[in-house]
Protein backbone atom coordinates (compact mmCIF):
# COMPACT_ATOMS: atom_id res chain seq x y z
CA MET A 1 0.00 0.00 0.00
CA LYS A 2 2.83 2.41 0.83
CA LEU A 3 4.45 1.69 -2.53
CA PHE A 4 1.18 2.59 -4.27
CA ASN A 5 0.98 5.88 -2.32
CA VAL A 6 4.57 6.76 -3.20
CA MET A 7 3.98 5.95 -6.88
CA PHE A 8 0.79 8.03 -6.87
CA VAL A 9 2.60 11.05 -5.38
CA VAL A 10 5.47 10.70 -7.88
CA VAL A 11 3.10 10.54 -10.86
CA ILE A 12 1.02 13.51 -9.69
CA THR A 13 4.15 15.57 -8.93
CA ALA A 14 5.62 14.82 -12.37
CA PHE A 15 2.33 15.82 -14.02
CA LEU A 16 2.17 19.11 -12.10
CA LEU A 17 5.80 19.97 -12.81
CA GLY A 18 5.25 19.29 -16.51
CA ALA A 19 2.18 21.52 -16.58
CA CYS A 20 4.01 24.41 -14.91
CA GLY A 21 6.52 24.78 -17.72
CA ASN A 22 4.04 24.78 -20.60
CA GLU A 23 4.00 28.51 -21.34
CA ASP A 24 4.90 28.87 -24.97
CA GLU A 25 8.02 30.85 -25.94
CA LEU A 26 5.71 32.93 -28.13
CA ALA A 27 3.48 33.94 -25.17
CA GLY A 28 3.54 37.53 -23.98
CA THR A 29 4.11 40.90 -25.61
CA TRP A 30 6.58 41.62 -28.40
CA GLU A 31 7.48 45.26 -29.13
CA ILE A 32 7.66 45.95 -32.88
CA TYR A 33 10.70 48.10 -33.62
CA GLU A 34 10.88 47.83 -37.41
CA MET A 35 8.24 47.71 -40.17
CA PHE A 36 8.79 47.75 -43.93
CA GLY A 37 12.50 48.51 -43.62
CA GLY A 38 12.21 51.51 -41.32
CA PRO A 39 12.01 52.17 -37.59
CA VAL A 40 8.61 52.16 -35.90
CA VAL A 41 7.73 55.56 -34.48
CA GLU A 42 4.47 54.59 -32.75
CA GLU A 43 5.08 53.81 -29.09
CA ASP A 44 2.34 51.21 -28.82
CA ALA A 45 3.27 48.97 -31.77
CA SER A 46 3.17 45.44 -30.38
CA LEU A 47 2.10 41.84 -30.83
CA THR A 48 0.60 40.07 -27.82
CA PHE A 49 0.10 36.29 -27.63
CA THR A 50 -1.89 34.11 -25.21
CA GLU A 51 -0.06 31.81 -22.75
CA ASP A 52 -0.40 28.81 -25.03
CA GLY A 53 0.59 30.85 -28.10
CA SER A 54 -2.59 29.94 -30.03
CA GLU A 55 -3.95 33.45 -30.62
CA GLY A 56 -3.26 37.09 -30.01
CA PHE A 57 -3.60 40.63 -31.30
CA LEU A 58 -1.61 43.29 -33.10
CA LEU A 59 -1.78 46.81 -31.68
CA VAL A 60 -0.48 49.73 -33.75
CA ASP A 61 -1.28 53.38 -33.04
CA GLY A 62 -4.38 52.46 -31.04
CA HIS A 63 -5.77 50.10 -33.71
CA MET A 64 -6.11 46.44 -32.71
CA GLU A 65 -6.37 43.40 -35.01
CA ASN A 66 -7.00 39.88 -33.70
CA PHE A 67 -5.34 36.81 -35.18
CA THR A 68 -4.96 33.09 -34.66
CA VAL A 69 -1.64 31.29 -34.72
CA ASN A 70 -0.86 28.23 -36.81
CA LYS A 71 2.38 26.69 -35.57
CA VAL A 72 4.49 25.33 -38.41
CA GLU A 73 7.38 24.10 -36.26
CA ASP A 74 9.40 25.28 -33.25
CA GLY A 75 10.35 28.89 -33.80
CA LYS A 76 8.13 29.29 -36.86
CA ALA A 77 4.42 30.12 -37.13
CA GLU A 78 1.75 31.80 -39.25
CA LEU A 79 -0.48 34.60 -38.01
CA VAL A 80 -3.91 34.55 -39.65
CA HIS A 81 -5.85 37.83 -39.33
CA GLU A 82 -9.50 37.35 -38.43
CA GLU A 83 -10.70 40.35 -40.49
CA ASP A 84 -8.38 39.81 -43.46
CA PRO A 85 -7.26 36.45 -44.88
CA GLU A 86 -3.65 37.72 -45.14
CA ILE A 87 -1.09 35.43 -43.50
CA ILE A 88 1.98 36.84 -41.77
CA GLU A 89 4.77 34.32 -41.28
CA ILE A 90 6.98 34.71 -38.22
CA MET A 91 10.25 33.24 -37.06
CA TYR A 92 11.08 33.67 -33.38
CA GLY A 93 13.62 32.64 -30.77
CA ASP A 94 15.92 34.08 -28.12
CA GLY A 95 13.64 37.08 -27.63
CA GLU A 96 13.75 38.16 -31.29
CA MET A 97 11.04 37.87 -33.95
CA THR A 98 11.08 38.48 -37.70
CA LEU A 99 7.82 38.99 -39.64
CA TYR A 100 7.34 38.05 -43.31
CA SER A 101 4.57 38.58 -45.86
CA GLU A 102 4.71 36.58 -49.09
CA GLY A 103 8.36 35.72 -48.40
CA GLU A 104 9.46 39.35 -47.91
CA GLN A 105 10.61 40.58 -44.51
CA VAL A 106 8.14 43.20 -43.29
CA GLY A 107 9.09 43.69 -39.66
CA ALA A 108 11.02 42.82 -36.54
CA ALA A 109 10.14 42.69 -32.85
CA LYS A 110 11.73 42.05 -29.46
CA LYS A 111 10.15 40.27 -26.51
CA SER A 112 8.99 42.80 -23.93
CA ASP A 113 10.18 42.54 -20.33
CA ASN A 114 6.62 43.22 -19.09
């Protein structure tokens, strides 16, 4: 009986520890610092993603656009705008993100500390 109790505690602990580290690298706010080859002058240009990295929104100059995220592979995803069928491809890692549209780089962002 004691062995069963120990095994039960070990399994539950492993499950809880695994669940704690599941926040996606994409989750959080990314500050856009470059768009279309030039610096971004708007102070509130950002991309924000949910904890699981499945959806988010783009905020530029007070205008917000929602999108869903299709993960292609680790460090690579597609942002699908809800209002517009345009797809923005992103590559991300180590706190840096590059945005592409139809294969052309259209922007860059850094993970926010907030």
